[in-house]
Amino acid sequence: MQETMPPENRKRTRLVVPSRSDLLLRNFTELIGGPLGRRTAPGVVSPGLFTVERVLVLLTVLAALVGLLLKGYCRSKGWESPGQFYATCYSDFPELFKNRGLGDGAFPFVTAGSFFEYPVLMGFIAGATALLVPGEGVSNSRILAYFDVNATLIAAVWIVTVLATARTARRRSWDAAMVALAPGIVLAGFINWDMWAVALLALGMYFFSRNKLLLAGLFIGLGTATKLYPLLILGAVLLLALRTGKIRAFLVTAGAAVATWLAVNIPAAAGDPAGWKYFYQFTESRPAGYSSPWFAYNLVAGRLGWKPLEAEVINGLALNLFLFACVLIAALALAAPQRPRLAQLVFLIVAAFILTNKVYSPQFVIWLIPLLALARPRWRDFLIWQSIEGLHWAAIWMYLGQVTSGGATQHNIDMPYYVLAVLAHMLATGYLMARVVWDILDPSYDVVRRGGTDDPHGGPFDGAADWLRLDVRRPAASVLPWRRAHADAESRA
């Protein structure tokens, strides 16, 4: 009997339950009987069929169905302007299927003479999913089938993102419910293929948190070949490598990411040089995109009679502002009293890129959602931010409806209200950045670090001592490698 009994001192990992730990959810659950009790404590009592991950998958499926229902008008009436904007069901899938040759058999980066304004792996996804649509030519039935195929795959990729985020969060796996139920993904997840890049970055962060650096670099490289923004995580890894002295972690991860990106891009560049170059040429020459601060400025400038900003000027301003933001983030990473967590730095860098970039598409909001779930899992701020992003999402479609219909202003959203929606989206994102910075400067506000946890997402950086830390107020108290080497030499002497 004693041999079959579990040891008495064996402890199960207790999960952090938001209905207990998050003030907003704790008060909200009073409507349904209060937070979970001790007899339902995850990690202590067996959950049976409804494990955390299974519940998260179920929530994601329900959210995906809601997102598809929102596309109902276009699925039945077709994706035509201005109706697709007024019905807020626009998607790039039908547009690109019709106008990039996908419906006629063109395969991006393979078919000579075809041009696709996205990175290579996204072009491969677009071409491969077109091959799954039965029939030939561009008909309404094939357009609908193309949308449905991609929407189904995105729902599956969404589930992968949720599970990867939950496993990266470890004890706080319930925080992935933010990703499962995010209004931003419900509204914008089926606009484009961005969810593929989001999932690949989430997988990269998961493997990095498990110290599997080659696999982390592999998925980061695949994500960068799909959408460029996953590359930004390497900036955060570099900063933490400098802070801890674990340079190998950066070199291995970055090397694997670069090798993977090259493995995807070199064949495409060799087989179709003009098609491969088109994405970069288009990115450089395109004007300011809808909902970017530069586009909003040009709208106001046009109304006031000012000179609008040209693409070349915007390129320079956007790059310089982003680099300046990166310098500030680097200073924060190297000078904060306690080493920042990886997810915090990644969130700050990606958010800075979003705010300064000359293009902001409505689906870009989904880039930040898994990062925020790891960087600052506070439901109040998350829901406020998502509500503002929802208003911006509606405003851009109403604005595009007016532009494409040429309707009178009194029957549409006027330009100043759209600009205000863009400003609100920027302020909400900036507010989240400020709260993350606050958590870094005062870790007592960081809910992830409560209970003695350091950086559960940081992989090789978790629990590492400082190798380089700058103390601005007291330079003599800075931690510098050469000082440590000198002290070690004296101790050996």
Protein backbone atom coordinates (compact mmCIF):
# COMPACT_ATOMS: atom_id res chain seq x y z
CA MET A 1 0.00 0.00 0.00
CA GLN A 2 2.78 2.41 0.84
CA GLU A 3 4.48 1.73 -2.49
CA THR A 4 1.31 2.63 -4.41
CA MET A 5 0.59 5.79 -2.43
CA PRO A 6 2.01 9.10 -3.77
CA PRO A 7 4.61 10.77 -1.56
CA GLU A 8 3.01 13.08 1.00
CA ASN A 9 5.42 15.91 0.25
CA ARG A 10 4.71 15.83 -3.49
CA LYS A 11 3.35 19.21 -4.62
CA ARG A 12 1.43 19.97 -7.79
CA THR A 13 1.97 23.20 -9.64
CA ARG A 14 -0.73 25.67 -8.72
CA LEU A 15 -2.03 27.82 -11.54
CA VAL A 16 -2.73 31.51 -11.18
CA VAL A 17 -6.50 31.88 -11.60
CA PRO A 18 -7.55 35.32 -12.94
CA SER A 19 -10.91 35.17 -11.11
CA ARG A 20 -8.91 35.24 -7.89
CA SER A 21 -5.87 37.31 -8.79
CA ASP A 22 -7.31 39.95 -11.14
CA LEU A 23 -9.41 42.60 -9.38
CA LEU A 24 -11.71 43.23 -12.35
CA LEU A 25 -12.48 39.57 -12.97
CA ARG A 26 -12.81 38.85 -9.27
CA ASN A 27 -15.54 41.48 -8.99
CA PHE A 28 -17.13 40.41 -12.27
CA THR A 29 -17.43 36.78 -11.19
CA GLU A 30 -19.69 37.84 -8.32
CA LEU A 31 -22.42 37.91 -10.96
CA ILE A 32 -22.05 34.15 -11.43
CA GLY A 33 -21.40 33.09 -7.86
CA GLY A 34 -17.94 34.40 -7.13
CA PRO A 35 -14.43 33.18 -8.00
CA LEU A 36 -13.35 29.56 -8.02
CA GLY A 37 -13.30 27.95 -4.60
CA ARG A 38 -10.53 25.90 -3.05
CA ARG A 39 -12.18 22.62 -4.09
CA THR A 40 -11.88 23.63 -7.73
CA ALA A 41 -8.29 24.86 -7.53
CA PRO A 42 -6.48 24.03 -10.80
CA GLY A 43 -3.39 21.95 -10.18
CA VAL A 44 -4.81 20.63 -6.92
CA VAL A 45 -8.12 19.10 -7.97
CA SER A 46 -8.32 17.09 -11.20
CA PRO A 47 -10.31 19.10 -13.79
CA GLY A 48 -11.51 16.01 -15.64
CA LEU A 49 -12.43 16.70 -19.25
CA PHE A 50 -12.22 20.48 -19.00
CA THR A 51 -8.51 21.11 -18.63
CA VAL A 52 -7.22 24.65 -19.03
CA GLU A 53 -6.02 24.07 -22.58
CA ARG A 54 -9.25 22.40 -23.67
CA VAL A 55 -11.28 25.29 -22.29
CA LEU A 56 -8.99 27.74 -24.11
CA VAL A 57 -9.48 25.83 -27.37
CA LEU A 58 -13.25 25.87 -26.88
CA LEU A 59 -13.20 29.63 -26.22
CA THR A 60 -11.10 30.19 -29.33
CA VAL A 61 -13.48 28.17 -31.51
CA LEU A 62 -16.46 30.16 -30.20
CA ALA A 63 -14.65 33.47 -30.81
CA ALA A 64 -13.70 32.35 -34.34
CA LEU A 65 -17.33 31.53 -35.09
CA VAL A 66 -18.34 35.02 -33.96
CA GLY A 67 -15.67 36.47 -36.25
CA LEU A 68 -17.04 34.48 -39.18
CA LEU A 69 -20.61 35.58 -38.41
CA LEU A 70 -19.44 39.17 -38.71
CA LYS A 71 -18.44 38.38 -42.30
CA GLY A 72 -21.93 37.04 -43.03
CA TYR A 73 -23.04 39.96 -45.19
CA CYS A 74 -20.08 39.64 -47.54
CA ARG A 75 -20.29 35.86 -47.62
CA SER A 76 -23.86 36.12 -48.91
CA LYS A 77 -23.73 39.38 -50.90
CA GLY A 78 -20.13 39.31 -52.10
CA TRP A 79 -17.12 41.51 -51.38
CA GLU A 80 -17.95 44.66 -53.32
CA SER A 81 -17.38 48.31 -52.44
CA PRO A 82 -18.78 50.25 -50.69
CA GLY A 83 -21.02 47.55 -49.18
CA GLN A 84 -18.13 45.55 -47.75
CA PHE A 85 -16.97 48.62 -45.83
CA TYR A 86 -20.36 49.70 -44.53
CA ALA A 87 -21.03 46.10 -43.45
CA THR A 88 -17.54 46.01 -41.83
CA CYS A 89 -16.80 42.65 -43.45
CA TYR A 90 -13.88 43.61 -45.71
CA SER A 91 -11.14 41.02 -46.21
CA ASP A 92 -7.99 40.99 -48.34
CA PHE A 93 -8.57 37.37 -49.35
CA PRO A 94 -11.27 38.03 -52.00
CA GLU A 95 -9.50 41.18 -53.19
CA LEU A 96 -6.18 39.44 -53.76
CA PHE A 97 -7.81 36.33 -55.21
CA LYS A 98 -9.43 38.50 -57.88
CA ASN A 99 -6.67 41.03 -58.56
CA ARG A 100 -3.35 39.18 -58.04
CA GLY A 101 -4.02 36.30 -60.38
CA LEU A 102 -4.55 33.75 -57.60
CA GLY A 103 -7.92 32.78 -59.04
CA ASP A 104 -6.36 32.22 -62.46
CA GLY A 105 -3.62 29.91 -61.21
CA ALA A 106 -0.79 32.37 -60.50
CA PHE A 107 1.46 31.30 -57.62
CA PRO A 108 3.34 34.21 -55.95
CA PHE A 109 7.14 34.06 -56.28
CA VAL A 110 6.83 31.03 -58.59
CA THR A 111 4.76 32.21 -61.56
CA ALA A 112 6.81 34.64 -63.66
CA GLY A 113 5.21 38.04 -64.08
CA SER A 114 3.04 37.82 -60.96
CA PHE A 115 3.59 40.40 -58.23
CA PHE A 116 2.61 40.10 -54.59
CA GLU A 117 3.08 42.89 -52.05
CA TYR A 118 3.82 40.61 -49.09
CA PRO A 119 6.84 38.57 -47.93
CA VAL A 120 7.65 35.20 -49.47
CA LEU A 121 6.07 32.78 -47.01
CA MET A 122 2.82 34.74 -47.00
CA GLY A 123 2.83 34.52 -50.79
CA PHE A 124 3.30 30.76 -50.55
CA ILE A 125 0.35 30.52 -48.14
CA ALA A 126 -1.81 32.62 -50.48
CA GLY A 127 -0.86 30.48 -53.47
CA ALA A 128 -1.21 27.14 -51.71
CA THR A 129 -4.67 27.93 -50.35
CA ALA A 130 -5.77 28.98 -53.86
CA LEU A 131 -4.85 25.50 -55.07
CA LEU A 132 -7.27 24.05 -52.52
CA VAL A 133 -10.23 25.82 -54.15
CA PRO A 134 -11.96 23.56 -56.71
CA GLY A 135 -12.77 24.82 -60.18
CA GLU A 136 -11.17 27.43 -62.41
CA GLY A 137 -11.37 31.18 -62.91
CA VAL A 138 -12.62 33.99 -60.68
CA SER A 139 -16.23 33.31 -59.85
CA ASN A 140 -18.29 34.27 -56.82
CA SER A 141 -18.37 30.67 -55.62
CA ARG A 142 -14.59 30.32 -55.87
CA ILE A 143 -14.05 33.66 -54.12
CA LEU A 144 -16.26 32.50 -51.25
CA ALA A 145 -14.48 29.15 -51.12
CA TYR A 146 -11.09 30.88 -51.04
CA PHE A 147 -12.21 33.02 -48.11
CA ASP A 148 -13.60 30.01 -46.26
CA VAL A 149 -10.44 27.95 -46.75
CA ASN A 150 -8.25 30.73 -45.40
CA ALA A 151 -10.63 31.57 -42.56
CA THR A 152 -10.68 27.92 -41.46
CA LEU A 153 -6.89 27.72 -41.48
CA ILE A 154 -6.63 30.99 -39.58
CA ALA A 155 -8.98 29.63 -36.91
CA ALA A 156 -6.64 26.64 -36.57
CA VAL A 157 -3.60 28.91 -36.42
CA TRP A 158 -5.40 31.03 -33.80
CA ILE A 159 -5.75 27.91 -31.64
CA VAL A 160 -2.01 27.24 -32.03
CA THR A 161 -1.29 30.82 -30.93
CA VAL A 162 -3.48 30.44 -27.84
CA LEU A 163 -1.88 27.14 -26.81
CA ALA A 164 1.65 28.44 -27.41
CA THR A 165 0.89 31.53 -25.32
CA ALA A 166 -0.62 29.42 -22.54
CA ARG A 167 2.40 27.15 -22.36
CA THR A 168 4.79 30.09 -22.48
CA ALA A 169 2.94 31.69 -19.56
CA ARG A 170 3.35 28.47 -17.51
CA ARG A 171 1.61 29.04 -14.15
CA ARG A 172 -0.42 31.86 -15.70
CA SER A 173 -1.79 29.80 -18.58
CA TRP A 174 -5.25 31.32 -18.07
CA ASP A 175 -3.81 34.62 -19.34
CA ALA A 176 -4.02 33.09 -22.83
CA ALA A 177 -7.79 33.61 -22.56
CA MET A 178 -6.99 37.19 -23.59
CA VAL A 179 -5.81 35.79 -26.92
CA ALA A 180 -8.69 33.32 -27.18
CA LEU A 181 -11.39 35.94 -26.61
CA ALA A 182 -9.67 39.08 -27.90
CA PRO A 183 -12.18 41.39 -29.63
CA GLY A 184 -9.34 42.61 -31.83
CA ILE A 185 -8.80 39.13 -33.27
CA VAL A 186 -12.54 38.53 -33.59
CA LEU A 187 -12.87 41.73 -35.62
CA ALA A 188 -9.62 41.72 -37.59
CA GLY A 189 -8.30 38.16 -37.57
CA PHE A 190 -9.83 37.25 -40.93
CA ILE A 191 -8.70 40.35 -42.83
CA ASN A 192 -5.30 39.02 -43.86
CA TRP A 193 -2.76 36.26 -43.16
CA ASP A 194 -1.13 38.10 -40.24
CA MET A 195 -2.30 35.42 -37.79
CA TRP A 196 0.22 33.04 -39.36
CA ALA A 197 3.08 35.36 -38.39
CA VAL A 198 1.55 35.87 -34.94
CA ALA A 199 1.43 32.08 -34.40
CA LEU A 200 4.99 31.56 -35.62
CA LEU A 201 6.29 34.24 -33.24
CA ALA A 202 4.26 32.72 -30.40
CA LEU A 203 5.87 29.35 -31.12
CA GLY A 204 9.28 30.99 -31.26
CA MET A 205 8.72 32.58 -27.84
CA TYR A 206 7.49 29.26 -26.44
CA PHE A 207 10.60 27.37 -27.53
CA PHE A 208 12.82 30.22 -26.33
CA SER A 209 11.17 30.02 -22.90
CA ARG A 210 12.09 26.32 -22.87
CA ASN A 211 15.75 27.05 -23.78
CA LYS A 212 15.34 25.44 -27.20
CA LEU A 213 17.14 28.21 -29.01
CA LEU A 214 17.51 26.57 -32.43
CA LEU A 215 13.79 25.85 -32.63
CA ALA A 216 13.05 29.36 -31.38
CA GLY A 217 15.21 30.84 -34.13
CA LEU A 218 13.60 28.55 -36.70
CA PHE A 219 10.09 29.82 -35.93
CA ILE A 220 11.23 33.43 -35.62
CA GLY A 221 12.81 33.13 -39.07
CA LEU A 222 9.63 31.61 -40.51
CA GLY A 223 7.60 34.39 -38.91
CA THR A 224 9.89 37.02 -40.44
CA ALA A 225 9.50 35.37 -43.84
CA THR A 226 5.73 35.76 -43.36
CA LYS A 227 5.64 39.28 -41.89
CA LEU A 228 8.71 41.30 -40.99
CA TYR A 229 7.73 42.26 -37.44
CA PRO A 230 8.72 38.94 -35.70
CA LEU A 231 12.33 39.94 -36.43
CA LEU A 232 11.97 42.62 -33.74
CA ILE A 233 12.14 40.02 -30.97
CA LEU A 234 15.85 39.67 -31.69
CA GLY A 235 16.34 43.24 -30.48
CA ALA A 236 14.88 42.28 -27.10
CA VAL A 237 17.00 39.11 -26.98
CA LEU A 238 20.12 41.17 -27.73
CA LEU A 239 19.38 43.64 -24.93
CA LEU A 240 18.86 40.87 -22.39
CA ALA A 241 21.98 39.07 -23.64
CA LEU A 242 23.97 42.24 -22.95
CA ARG A 243 22.34 42.68 -19.57
CA THR A 244 23.12 39.12 -18.46
CA GLY A 245 26.28 38.42 -20.46
CA LYS A 246 24.64 35.41 -22.15
CA ILE A 247 25.66 36.45 -25.65
CA ARG A 248 25.46 32.87 -26.92
CA ALA A 249 21.68 32.89 -26.48
CA PHE A 250 21.44 35.77 -28.93
CA LEU A 251 23.94 34.36 -31.40
CA VAL A 252 22.26 30.94 -31.59
CA THR A 253 18.73 32.34 -31.84
CA ALA A 254 19.63 35.04 -34.36
CA GLY A 255 21.75 32.64 -36.40
CA ALA A 256 18.95 30.10 -36.66
CA ALA A 257 16.45 32.85 -37.55
CA VAL A 258 18.66 34.30 -40.30
CA ALA A 259 19.44 30.85 -41.72
CA THR A 260 15.72 30.00 -41.82
CA TRP A 261 14.82 33.29 -43.47
CA LEU A 262 17.51 32.78 -46.10
CA ALA A 263 16.36 29.21 -46.73
CA VAL A 264 12.89 30.52 -47.56
CA ASN A 265 13.91 33.63 -49.49
CA ILE A 266 16.92 32.54 -51.54
CA PRO A 267 14.99 30.07 -53.74
CA ALA A 268 12.26 32.66 -54.33
CA ALA A 269 14.79 35.39 -55.13
CA ALA A 270 16.67 33.10 -57.50
CA GLY A 271 13.55 31.80 -59.25
CA ASP A 272 11.70 35.12 -59.58
CA PRO A 273 14.03 38.08 -58.84
CA ALA A 274 11.55 40.71 -60.01
CA GLY A 275 8.72 39.25 -57.96
CA TRP A 276 10.93 38.93 -54.87
CA LYS A 277 12.12 42.55 -55.13
CA TYR A 278 8.59 43.87 -55.61
CA PHE A 279 7.63 43.62 -51.94
CA TYR A 280 10.60 45.75 -50.84
CA GLN A 281 10.18 48.23 -53.69
CA PHE A 282 6.47 48.55 -52.97
CA THR A 283 7.14 49.03 -49.23
CA GLU A 284 9.62 51.82 -49.90
CA SER A 285 7.61 53.72 -52.50
CA ARG A 286 4.06 53.33 -51.17
CA PRO A 287 2.45 56.40 -49.56
CA ALA A 288 1.28 56.55 -45.97
CA GLY A 289 -1.22 53.78 -45.24
CA TYR A 290 -4.65 54.18 -43.73
CA SER A 291 -4.71 54.82 -39.97
CA SER A 292 -1.01 55.51 -39.69
CA PRO A 293 -0.15 58.83 -37.97
CA TRP A 294 1.33 60.01 -41.26
CA PHE A 295 -1.88 59.36 -43.15
CA ALA A 296 -3.87 61.15 -40.46
CA TYR A 297 -1.50 64.11 -40.68
CA ASN A 298 -1.88 64.28 -44.45
CA LEU A 299 -5.68 64.26 -44.10
CA VAL A 300 -5.53 67.19 -41.69
CA ALA A 301 -2.95 68.94 -43.86
CA GLY A 302 -5.21 68.57 -46.88
CA ARG A 303 -8.15 70.05 -44.99
CA LEU A 304 -6.05 73.00 -43.72
CA GLY A 305 -4.20 73.61 -46.97
CA TRP A 306 -0.79 72.49 -45.70
CA LYS A 307 1.75 70.60 -47.77
CA PRO A 308 1.33 66.81 -47.34
CA LEU A 309 4.27 64.55 -46.54
CA GLU A 310 5.67 62.55 -49.45
CA ALA A 311 6.63 58.87 -49.19
CA GLU A 312 10.37 59.60 -49.10
CA VAL A 313 10.00 62.09 -46.24
CA ILE A 314 7.74 59.72 -44.32
CA ASN A 315 10.25 56.88 -44.74
CA GLY A 316 12.97 58.95 -43.13
CA LEU A 317 10.80 60.29 -40.30
CA ALA A 318 9.32 56.89 -39.51
CA LEU A 319 12.71 55.19 -39.41
CA ASN A 320 14.31 57.90 -37.26
CA LEU A 321 11.42 57.93 -34.79
CA PHE A 322 11.49 54.15 -34.49
CA LEU A 323 15.26 54.12 -33.95
CA PHE A 324 14.88 56.82 -31.30
CA ALA A 325 12.24 54.73 -29.55
CA CYS A 326 14.57 51.71 -29.70
CA VAL A 327 17.36 53.75 -28.09
CA LEU A 328 15.01 54.68 -25.24
CA ILE A 329 13.96 51.03 -24.83
CA ALA A 330 17.62 49.95 -24.83
CA ALA A 331 18.41 52.52 -22.15
CA LEU A 332 15.49 51.22 -20.09
CA ALA A 333 16.60 47.61 -20.53
CA LEU A 334 20.17 48.31 -19.43
CA ALA A 335 19.43 50.82 -16.67
CA ALA A 336 16.29 49.45 -14.98
CA PRO A 337 16.91 48.45 -11.34
CA GLN A 338 15.75 44.90 -12.15
CA ARG A 339 16.23 43.20 -15.50
CA PRO A 340 13.07 43.54 -17.64
CA ARG A 341 11.28 40.43 -18.78
CA LEU A 342 11.59 39.35 -22.41
CA ALA A 343 7.87 39.79 -23.17
CA GLN A 344 7.94 43.33 -21.79
CA LEU A 345 10.74 44.39 -24.13
CA VAL A 346 9.22 42.64 -27.15
CA PHE A 347 5.90 44.36 -26.52
CA LEU A 348 7.55 47.79 -26.26
CA ILE A 349 9.57 47.33 -29.45
CA VAL A 350 6.64 46.03 -31.54
CA ALA A 351 4.31 48.73 -30.19
CA ALA A 352 6.89 51.42 -31.04
CA PHE A 353 7.14 49.99 -34.55
CA ILE A 354 3.36 50.08 -34.94
CA LEU A 355 3.10 53.68 -33.76
CA THR A 356 5.89 55.01 -35.97
CA ASN A 357 5.48 52.89 -39.11
CA LYS A 358 4.03 54.55 -42.20
CA VAL A 359 1.53 51.71 -42.60
CA TYR A 360 -1.04 50.60 -40.04
CA SER A 361 -3.58 48.07 -41.23
CA PRO A 362 -6.55 47.19 -38.97
CA GLN A 363 -5.24 43.65 -38.49
CA PHE A 364 -1.97 44.89 -36.98
CA VAL A 365 -3.73 45.01 -33.62
CA ILE A 366 -3.45 41.22 -33.42
CA TRP A 367 0.35 41.49 -33.32
CA LEU A 368 0.22 42.96 -29.83
CA ILE A 369 -2.44 40.79 -28.21
CA PRO A 370 -0.34 37.68 -27.39
CA LEU A 371 2.56 39.93 -26.39
CA LEU A 372 0.38 41.90 -23.98
CA ALA A 373 -0.98 38.67 -22.48
CA LEU A 374 2.61 37.84 -21.53
CA ALA A 375 3.89 41.34 -20.81
CA ARG A 376 1.03 42.78 -18.75
CA PRO A 377 -1.93 40.41 -18.20
CA ARG A 378 -4.27 42.95 -16.63
CA TRP A 379 -7.84 42.51 -17.84
CA ARG A 380 -9.01 46.05 -17.14
CA ASP A 381 -6.36 47.69 -19.31
CA PHE A 382 -6.72 44.96 -21.92
CA LEU A 383 -10.48 45.46 -22.29
CA ILE A 384 -10.21 49.26 -22.36
CA TRP A 385 -7.56 49.03 -25.09
CA GLN A 386 -9.59 46.52 -27.09
CA SER A 387 -12.71 48.70 -26.84
CA ILE A 388 -10.83 51.66 -28.28
CA GLU A 389 -9.37 49.49 -31.02
CA GLY A 390 -12.90 48.32 -31.80
CA LEU A 391 -14.00 51.94 -32.26
CA HIS A 392 -11.05 52.55 -34.55
CA TRP A 393 -11.88 49.39 -36.49
CA ALA A 394 -15.41 50.66 -37.13
CA ALA A 395 -14.21 54.18 -37.96
CA ILE A 396 -11.82 53.08 -40.70
CA TRP A 397 -14.50 51.06 -42.49
CA MET A 398 -16.99 53.92 -42.28
CA TYR A 399 -14.34 56.27 -43.63
CA LEU A 400 -13.48 53.92 -46.50
CA GLY A 401 -17.17 53.50 -47.20
CA GLN A 402 -17.48 57.24 -47.66
CA VAL A 403 -14.35 57.40 -49.83
CA THR A 404 -15.41 54.56 -52.15
CA SER A 405 -19.05 55.64 -52.40
CA GLY A 406 -18.42 59.35 -52.78
CA GLY A 407 -21.40 59.91 -50.53
CA ALA A 408 -22.27 63.18 -48.87
CA THR A 409 -20.52 63.92 -45.58
CA GLN A 410 -23.74 64.22 -43.60
CA HIS A 411 -24.54 60.58 -44.38
CA ASN A 412 -21.07 59.28 -43.50
CA ILE A 413 -18.35 59.66 -40.87
CA ASP A 414 -16.53 62.92 -41.46
CA MET A 415 -12.75 63.01 -41.69
CA PRO A 416 -12.12 64.68 -38.28
CA TYR A 417 -13.90 61.85 -36.46
CA TYR A 418 -11.82 59.28 -38.28
CA VAL A 419 -8.64 61.15 -37.35
CA LEU A 420 -9.81 61.24 -33.73
CA ALA A 421 -10.29 57.46 -33.85
CA VAL A 422 -6.72 57.06 -35.13
CA LEU A 423 -5.48 59.33 -32.35
CA ALA A 424 -7.44 57.33 -29.75
CA HIS A 425 -5.89 54.08 -31.03
CA MET A 426 -2.41 55.62 -30.74
CA LEU A 427 -3.04 56.98 -27.26
CA ALA A 428 -4.39 53.64 -26.06
CA THR A 429 -1.31 51.83 -27.37
CA GLY A 430 0.94 54.48 -25.83
CA TYR A 431 -0.85 54.07 -22.50
CA LEU A 432 -0.13 50.33 -22.52
CA MET A 433 3.51 51.05 -23.26
CA ALA A 434 3.65 53.45 -20.32
CA ARG A 435 2.13 50.84 -18.01
CA VAL A 436 4.68 48.24 -19.13
CA VAL A 437 7.49 50.73 -18.50
CA TRP A 438 6.02 51.38 -15.03
CA ASP A 439 6.07 47.64 -14.31
CA ILE A 440 9.72 47.48 -15.39
CA LEU A 441 10.77 50.39 -13.20
CA ASP A 442 8.75 49.14 -10.23
CA PRO A 443 8.47 45.31 -10.43
CA SER A 444 6.07 45.27 -7.47
CA TYR A 445 3.35 46.23 -9.99
CA ASP A 446 4.30 43.34 -12.29
CA VAL A 447 1.77 40.57 -11.63
CA VAL A 448 3.90 37.98 -13.44
CA ARG A 449 6.75 38.44 -10.96
CA ARG A 450 4.60 37.98 -7.90
CA GLY A 451 5.42 34.93 -5.81
CA GLY A 452 9.17 35.09 -6.43
CA THR A 453 9.02 34.42 -10.17
CA ASP A 454 11.65 36.13 -12.32
CA ASP A 455 11.07 35.71 -16.05
CA PRO A 456 9.18 32.52 -16.97
CA HIS A 457 9.31 33.52 -20.65
CA GLY A 458 12.99 34.42 -20.64
CA GLY A 459 14.53 31.00 -21.21
CA PRO A 460 18.30 31.35 -20.61
CA PHE A 461 17.76 34.77 -19.02
CA ASP A 462 15.40 33.52 -16.31
CA GLY A 463 17.09 34.07 -12.93
CA ALA A 464 20.33 35.30 -14.50
CA ALA A 465 22.48 37.83 -12.65
CA ASP A 466 23.37 41.20 -14.15
CA TRP A 467 26.54 41.34 -16.25
CA LEU A 468 25.94 44.88 -17.45
CA ARG A 469 23.70 47.38 -15.69
CA LEU A 470 23.95 51.15 -15.91
CA ASP A 471 23.05 53.24 -12.89
CA VAL A 472 22.29 56.74 -14.13
CA ARG A 473 21.95 58.28 -10.68
CA ARG A 474 25.01 56.59 -9.20
CA PRO A 475 27.45 55.68 -11.96
CA ALA A 476 29.80 54.11 -9.42
CA ALA A 477 27.11 51.54 -8.61
CA SER A 478 26.85 50.40 -12.23
CA VAL A 479 27.59 46.75 -12.97
CA LEU A 480 30.28 46.65 -15.66
CA PRO A 481 32.05 43.56 -17.05
CA TRP A 482 35.54 44.99 -16.72
CA ARG A 483 34.93 45.86 -13.07
CA ARG A 484 33.84 42.30 -12.36
CA ALA A 485 36.89 40.93 -14.18
CA HIS A 486 39.13 43.20 -12.12
CA ALA A 487 37.47 42.17 -8.88
CA ASP A 488 37.80 38.47 -9.79
CA ALA A 489 41.49 38.93 -10.56
CA GLU A 490 42.08 40.62 -7.20
CA SER A 491 40.23 37.87 -5.35
CA ARG A 492 42.37 35.20 -7.03
CA ALA A 493 45.52 37.14 -6.19
